[in-house]
Amino acid sequence: MVSRDYLMLDVFTNAPFGGSRLAVFPDGRGLSTGMMQIIAREMGTGETAFVIPAEETPLRSSLRIFTPSAEVPHSGLSLIGATAALDRGGLVPEGEGELHVTWRTEAGLFPVVVGRGEDPVLYSLVLEPAQFIGQYYQRGKVARALGISEQDISITGLPCEIVSTGLPIHIVPVGSLAAVQSIVLSRSAAAEIVKDLGFGDLFVFTCETENPDVDVHCRMFAHDFGIPEDAATGSACGSLIAFMVKHRLVRLTPRVRIVCEQGLEMGRPSRIVVEADVADGRVRSIRVGGRCVTVGEGRIMFDADAVVR
């Protein structure tokens, strides 16, 4: 018999049923890759994370991450949520200030900072330095894919630009909140962008927001990755702060901080806190963080030999 405890978390939110859903198994030892994939499919969340505890310290454990259809080498959602799960299990020491939890993944080592100076606790993933890959000059194609006018983009005076902090993100500036809220993605039009770039995700933002205490309103569309719309996209918000510093959309100080709202159109409101160290007008390091809410816990039990494969 297989028996494993799990937690259900909402990540990038401090309210239940907001943000992105995640299942975390605090002890995935003894499970095969195939069995992890079956469990992830059964859980039905966007991602399921399996912690492989380190013998020396839980602060340097391994993490395996699965969508319902495949294993992925890296995910900010799972890294942040798994850190929160360890914390709720009493495996992260108490104390003031910041504490680093370093995860081993297929993509390498990734530190998550536990910020106990904030209430609720803020969990922040440290991202790779931003790389500006290039601008995309086909605003008309982008507008058609989003179902808005080309002027909604051009009025900003900003480029559509591909920026990466480990994953290339196509950042699309839009001039008004109303235009962003009106977006209805055309998959056929988005496929034309895939032909040009090799990928078709579109991360749309405007500096007009629904909530007065945030800085940016965002939506993320990634049909070619199987995600019609994402409720919270940490890596994209990391690229966004580098874009905003480059184009002087924020006041340049040694430490820049923005709060992004996302997922409102989906009924799963998210808040993503992004910080960047800035020197000589350029971003030097980036952290993307959020709060996490535990919305359920349980145990999965089954006869491994009887599983339909």
Protein backbone atom coordinates (compact mmCIF):
# COMPACT_ATOMS: atom_id res chain seq x y z
CA MET A 1 0.00 0.00 0.00
CA VAL A 2 1.10 3.55 -0.77
CA SER A 3 0.19 6.11 1.89
CA ARG A 4 1.29 9.74 1.70
CA ASP A 5 0.15 12.92 3.43
CA TYR A 6 -0.34 16.08 1.39
CA LEU A 7 -1.20 19.76 1.75
CA MET A 8 -3.32 21.89 -0.57
CA LEU A 9 -2.06 25.47 -0.84
CA ASP A 10 -3.11 28.65 -2.59
CA VAL A 11 0.09 30.48 -3.55
CA PHE A 12 0.57 34.21 -4.25
CA THR A 13 -2.41 35.17 -2.10
CA ASN A 14 -3.31 35.75 1.54
CA ALA A 15 -6.96 34.79 1.02
CA PRO A 16 -8.35 31.27 0.49
CA PHE A 17 -9.26 30.32 -3.12
CA GLY A 18 -7.14 33.04 -4.66
CA GLY A 19 -3.78 32.72 -6.38
CA SER A 20 -2.56 29.46 -7.91
CA ARG A 21 -3.49 26.03 -6.54
CA LEU A 22 -0.71 23.65 -5.52
CA ALA A 23 -0.55 20.18 -3.94
CA VAL A 24 2.57 19.45 -1.86
CA PHE A 25 3.65 16.02 -0.61
CA PRO A 26 6.11 16.73 2.24
CA ASP A 27 7.68 13.27 1.91
CA GLY A 28 7.96 11.80 -1.57
CA ARG A 29 10.64 9.23 -0.75
CA GLY A 30 10.09 5.78 -2.25
CA LEU A 31 7.78 6.97 -5.03
CA SER A 32 8.83 6.23 -8.59
CA THR A 33 8.67 8.86 -11.31
CA GLY A 34 5.72 7.06 -12.87
CA MET A 35 3.86 6.93 -9.57
CA MET A 36 4.48 10.64 -8.95
CA GLN A 37 3.02 11.40 -12.36
CA ILE A 38 -0.08 9.30 -11.67
CA ILE A 39 -0.60 11.03 -8.32
CA ALA A 40 -0.17 14.47 -9.92
CA ARG A 41 -2.77 13.60 -12.52
CA GLU A 42 -5.14 12.43 -9.81
CA MET A 43 -4.65 15.57 -7.67
CA GLY A 44 -5.68 17.71 -10.64
CA THR A 45 -3.94 20.89 -9.49
CA GLY A 46 -1.87 22.93 -11.91
CA GLU A 47 1.24 21.54 -10.22
CA THR A 48 2.04 18.89 -7.63
CA ALA A 49 5.34 19.06 -5.76
CA PHE A 50 7.08 16.14 -4.06
CA VAL A 51 9.67 16.92 -1.39
CA ILE A 52 12.56 14.48 -1.08
CA PRO A 53 13.90 15.38 2.37
CA ALA A 54 17.64 15.73 2.76
CA GLU A 55 19.16 13.64 5.52
CA GLU A 56 21.38 16.43 6.82
CA THR A 57 18.83 19.28 6.87
CA PRO A 58 15.36 19.93 5.41
CA LEU A 59 16.65 23.35 4.31
CA ARG A 60 18.52 21.69 1.41
CA SER A 61 15.95 19.15 0.25
CA SER A 62 15.18 18.08 -3.30
CA LEU A 63 11.96 18.94 -5.09
CA ARG A 64 10.28 17.19 -8.00
CA ILE A 65 7.53 19.09 -9.79
CA PHE A 66 4.75 17.65 -11.95
CA THR A 67 1.87 19.07 -13.93
CA PRO A 68 -0.99 16.61 -14.61
CA SER A 69 0.77 15.62 -17.83
CA ALA A 70 4.56 15.97 -17.34
CA GLU A 71 7.44 16.60 -14.97
CA VAL A 72 8.94 20.10 -15.16
CA PRO A 73 12.47 21.03 -14.06
CA HIS A 74 11.64 24.29 -12.30
CA SER A 75 8.65 26.32 -11.10
CA GLY A 76 8.44 29.37 -8.86
CA LEU A 77 4.94 28.32 -7.80
CA SER A 78 6.14 24.94 -6.48
CA LEU A 79 9.36 26.28 -4.96
CA ILE A 80 7.52 28.95 -2.99
CA GLY A 81 4.63 26.66 -2.03
CA ALA A 82 6.91 23.82 -0.92
CA THR A 83 8.84 26.27 1.28
CA ALA A 84 5.58 27.36 2.89
CA ALA A 85 4.67 23.68 3.44
CA LEU A 86 7.98 23.05 5.24
CA ASP A 87 7.40 26.16 7.31
CA ARG A 88 3.92 25.06 8.33
CA GLY A 89 5.35 21.66 9.28
CA GLY A 90 7.78 23.30 11.71
CA LEU A 91 10.83 22.40 9.62
CA VAL A 92 11.97 26.00 9.04
CA PRO A 93 13.52 27.55 12.18
CA GLU A 94 11.78 30.43 13.86
CA GLY A 95 13.57 33.72 14.24
CA GLU A 96 13.77 37.29 13.09
CA GLY A 97 14.93 38.50 9.70
CA GLU A 98 15.45 36.37 6.60
CA LEU A 99 16.16 32.67 6.27
CA HIS A 100 17.20 30.89 3.07
CA VAL A 101 15.83 27.50 2.01
CA THR A 102 17.76 26.06 -0.95
CA TRP A 103 16.02 23.53 -3.16
CA ARG A 104 17.65 21.00 -5.47
CA THR A 105 15.69 20.61 -8.71
CA GLU A 106 16.40 19.16 -12.13
CA ALA A 107 17.28 22.69 -13.23
CA GLY A 108 19.78 23.28 -10.40
CA LEU A 109 19.82 24.93 -6.98
CA PHE A 110 17.23 27.60 -6.19
CA PRO A 111 17.07 29.63 -2.97
CA VAL A 112 13.80 30.79 -1.47
CA VAL A 113 13.92 33.53 1.16
CA VAL A 114 11.58 33.26 4.14
CA GLY A 115 10.84 36.82 5.23
CA ARG A 116 9.55 36.68 8.78
CA GLY A 117 9.68 40.46 9.06
CA GLU A 118 6.37 40.63 7.16
CA ASP A 119 2.93 39.53 8.32
CA PRO A 120 1.82 37.21 6.81
CA VAL A 121 5.22 35.68 5.99
CA LEU A 122 6.51 36.52 2.52
CA TYR A 123 8.23 33.70 0.60
CA SER A 124 10.48 34.99 -2.20
CA LEU A 125 12.28 33.12 -4.97
CA VAL A 126 15.63 34.51 -6.05
CA LEU A 127 15.67 34.67 -9.86
CA GLU A 128 18.46 34.67 -12.41
CA PRO A 129 19.64 38.09 -13.69
CA ALA A 130 17.34 39.46 -16.40
CA GLN A 131 18.35 39.14 -20.04
CA PHE A 132 16.77 41.31 -22.74
CA ILE A 133 16.45 39.03 -25.75
CA GLY A 134 14.89 41.44 -28.22
CA GLN A 135 11.86 43.47 -29.23
CA TYR A 136 8.91 42.19 -31.25
CA TYR A 137 7.83 44.77 -33.79
CA GLN A 138 4.59 43.12 -34.97
CA ARG A 139 2.19 45.04 -32.73
CA GLY A 140 -0.66 44.34 -35.12
CA LYS A 141 -0.23 40.59 -34.67
CA VAL A 142 -0.11 40.98 -30.91
CA ALA A 143 -3.24 43.15 -30.91
CA ARG A 144 -5.14 40.64 -33.07
CA ALA A 145 -4.10 37.79 -30.77
CA LEU A 146 -5.43 39.71 -27.76
CA GLY A 147 -8.57 41.04 -29.42
CA ILE A 148 -7.69 44.69 -28.74
CA SER A 149 -6.69 47.57 -31.01
CA GLU A 150 -3.10 48.19 -31.99
CA GLN A 151 -3.49 51.69 -30.55
CA ASP A 152 -4.13 50.17 -27.11
CA ILE A 153 -0.49 49.02 -27.26
CA SER A 154 1.15 51.84 -29.22
CA ILE A 155 -0.32 54.56 -26.97
CA THR A 156 2.08 53.47 -24.22
CA GLY A 157 5.12 54.41 -26.34
CA LEU A 158 6.74 51.18 -25.11
CA PRO A 159 7.92 48.14 -27.08
CA CYS A 160 6.70 44.59 -26.92
CA GLU A 161 9.84 42.92 -25.61
CA ILE A 162 11.12 39.46 -24.74
CA VAL A 163 12.83 39.34 -21.34
CA SER A 164 14.11 36.28 -19.49
CA THR A 165 14.95 35.51 -15.89
CA GLY A 166 15.32 31.82 -16.76
CA LEU A 167 12.28 31.56 -19.04
CA PRO A 168 11.63 33.92 -21.99
CA ILE A 169 8.58 36.12 -21.40
CA HIS A 170 6.91 38.23 -24.09
CA ILE A 171 5.95 41.44 -22.28
CA VAL A 172 3.11 43.46 -23.82
CA PRO A 173 2.38 46.97 -22.45
CA VAL A 174 -1.23 48.16 -22.72
CA GLY A 175 -2.45 51.67 -22.06
CA SER A 176 -5.60 51.08 -20.01
CA LEU A 177 -7.16 48.73 -17.51
CA ALA A 178 -10.32 48.55 -19.59
CA ALA A 179 -8.38 47.27 -22.60
CA VAL A 180 -6.63 44.59 -20.52
CA GLN A 181 -9.92 43.49 -18.99
CA SER A 182 -11.50 43.20 -22.46
CA ILE A 183 -8.90 40.74 -23.81
CA VAL A 184 -10.21 37.57 -25.43
CA LEU A 185 -7.31 35.53 -26.78
CA SER A 186 -7.45 34.27 -30.37
CA ARG A 187 -5.55 30.99 -30.54
CA SER A 188 -5.21 31.17 -34.31
CA ALA A 189 -3.77 34.69 -34.18
CA ALA A 190 -1.48 33.72 -31.30
CA ALA A 191 -0.21 30.82 -33.43
CA GLU A 192 1.19 33.39 -35.89
CA ILE A 193 3.36 34.79 -33.10
CA VAL A 194 4.58 31.27 -32.29
CA LYS A 195 5.79 30.97 -35.89
CA ASP A 196 7.83 34.15 -35.47
CA LEU A 197 9.25 33.60 -31.99
CA GLY A 198 9.09 29.88 -31.34
CA PHE A 199 6.83 30.42 -28.34
CA GLY A 200 3.50 32.17 -27.89
CA ASP A 201 3.02 33.24 -24.28
CA LEU A 202 1.83 36.83 -23.86
CA PHE A 203 2.27 38.65 -20.55
CA VAL A 204 0.12 41.78 -20.65
CA PHE A 205 0.37 44.62 -18.15
CA THR A 206 -0.95 48.09 -17.49
CA CYS A 207 -0.11 50.61 -14.79
CA GLU A 208 -3.84 51.24 -14.26
CA THR A 209 -5.02 48.91 -11.48
CA GLU A 210 -8.23 47.75 -9.85
CA ASN A 211 -6.81 48.05 -6.33
CA PRO A 212 -5.22 51.32 -5.20
CA ASP A 213 -2.49 49.64 -3.13
CA VAL A 214 -0.84 47.82 -6.06
CA ASP A 215 1.31 49.07 -8.92
CA VAL A 216 0.55 46.91 -11.94
CA HIS A 217 -2.38 44.90 -13.34
CA CYS A 218 -1.33 41.77 -15.27
CA ARG A 219 -2.70 38.89 -17.32
CA MET A 220 -0.76 35.89 -18.65
CA PHE A 221 -1.78 33.76 -21.66
CA ALA A 222 0.21 30.65 -22.62
CA HIS A 223 -1.97 28.44 -24.80
CA ASP A 224 0.96 26.62 -26.40
CA PHE A 225 2.05 25.52 -22.89
CA GLY A 226 -1.48 24.28 -22.17
CA ILE A 227 -2.39 27.30 -19.99
CA PRO A 228 -5.28 29.36 -21.41
CA GLU A 229 -4.71 31.91 -18.63
CA ASP A 230 -2.55 31.83 -15.52
CA ALA A 231 -3.71 33.26 -12.18
CA ALA A 232 -0.19 34.13 -10.97
CA THR A 233 3.06 34.09 -12.94
CA GLY A 234 6.06 34.83 -10.74
CA SER A 235 8.75 34.46 -13.39
CA ALA A 236 6.91 36.87 -15.69
CA CYS A 237 6.64 39.46 -12.93
CA GLY A 238 10.39 39.11 -12.40
CA SER A 239 10.96 39.94 -16.06
CA LEU A 240 8.45 42.78 -15.77
CA ILE A 241 10.35 44.63 -13.06
CA ALA A 242 13.50 44.52 -15.23
CA PHE A 243 11.43 45.92 -18.13
CA MET A 244 10.03 48.68 -15.92
CA VAL A 245 13.47 49.69 -14.67
CA LYS A 246 14.90 49.73 -18.19
CA HIS A 247 12.08 51.94 -19.50
CA ARG A 248 11.96 54.12 -16.37
CA LEU A 249 8.43 53.18 -15.37
CA VAL A 250 9.49 53.18 -11.72
CA ARG A 251 11.54 55.65 -9.71
CA LEU A 252 15.11 54.35 -9.67
CA THR A 253 16.35 53.71 -6.15
CA PRO A 254 18.85 51.12 -4.88
CA ARG A 255 15.94 48.77 -4.10
CA VAL A 256 12.81 48.88 -6.30
CA ARG A 257 9.60 47.15 -5.20
CA ILE A 258 6.36 46.64 -7.10
CA VAL A 259 3.19 44.74 -6.27
CA CYS A 260 1.36 43.08 -9.17
CA GLU A 261 -2.30 42.07 -9.22
CA GLN A 262 -3.21 39.13 -11.46
CA GLY A 263 -5.96 36.54 -11.82
CA LEU A 264 -8.82 38.95 -11.16
CA GLU A 265 -10.50 38.19 -14.49
CA MET A 266 -10.37 34.48 -13.55
CA GLY A 267 -11.94 34.94 -10.12
CA ARG A 268 -8.66 33.91 -8.44
CA PRO A 269 -7.06 37.21 -7.37
CA SER A 270 -3.30 37.08 -6.82
CA ARG A 271 -0.70 39.45 -5.45
CA ILE A 272 2.93 39.07 -6.42
CA VAL A 273 5.60 41.12 -4.65
CA VAL A 274 8.69 41.81 -6.75
CA GLU A 275 11.90 43.44 -5.54
CA ALA A 276 15.03 44.30 -7.49
CA ASP A 277 18.41 45.72 -6.56
CA VAL A 278 19.35 48.47 -9.01
CA ALA A 279 22.78 49.93 -9.78
CA ASP A 280 23.75 52.24 -12.65
CA GLY A 281 20.16 52.16 -13.88
CA ARG A 282 20.10 48.38 -14.34
CA VAL A 283 18.64 45.51 -12.35
CA ARG A 284 21.28 43.41 -10.60
CA SER A 285 19.15 40.89 -8.69
CA ILE A 286 15.46 40.02 -8.49
CA ARG A 287 13.18 38.41 -5.93
CA VAL A 288 9.62 37.33 -6.64
CA GLY A 289 7.46 36.54 -3.65
CA GLY A 290 4.03 35.93 -2.30
CA ARG A 291 2.01 34.74 0.62
CA CYS A 292 0.56 31.24 0.89
CA VAL A 293 -2.67 29.94 2.41
CA THR A 294 -3.26 26.32 3.42
CA VAL A 295 -6.74 25.35 2.24
CA GLY A 296 -6.68 21.61 2.86
CA GLU A 297 -4.72 18.58 3.98
CA GLY A 298 -5.21 14.88 3.68
CA ARG A 299 -3.77 11.47 2.90
CA ILE A 300 -3.78 9.52 -0.33
CA MET A 301 -3.84 5.71 0.01
CA PHE A 302 -3.93 3.05 -2.67
CA ASP A 303 -2.62 -0.37 -3.68
CA ALA A 304 0.30 0.37 -6.02
CA ASP A 305 0.01 -3.04 -7.72
CA ALA A 306 -3.63 -2.38 -8.65
CA VAL A 307 -3.09 1.05 -10.24
CA VAL A 308 -4.30 1.40 -13.83
CA ARG A 309 -1.28 2.56 -15.84
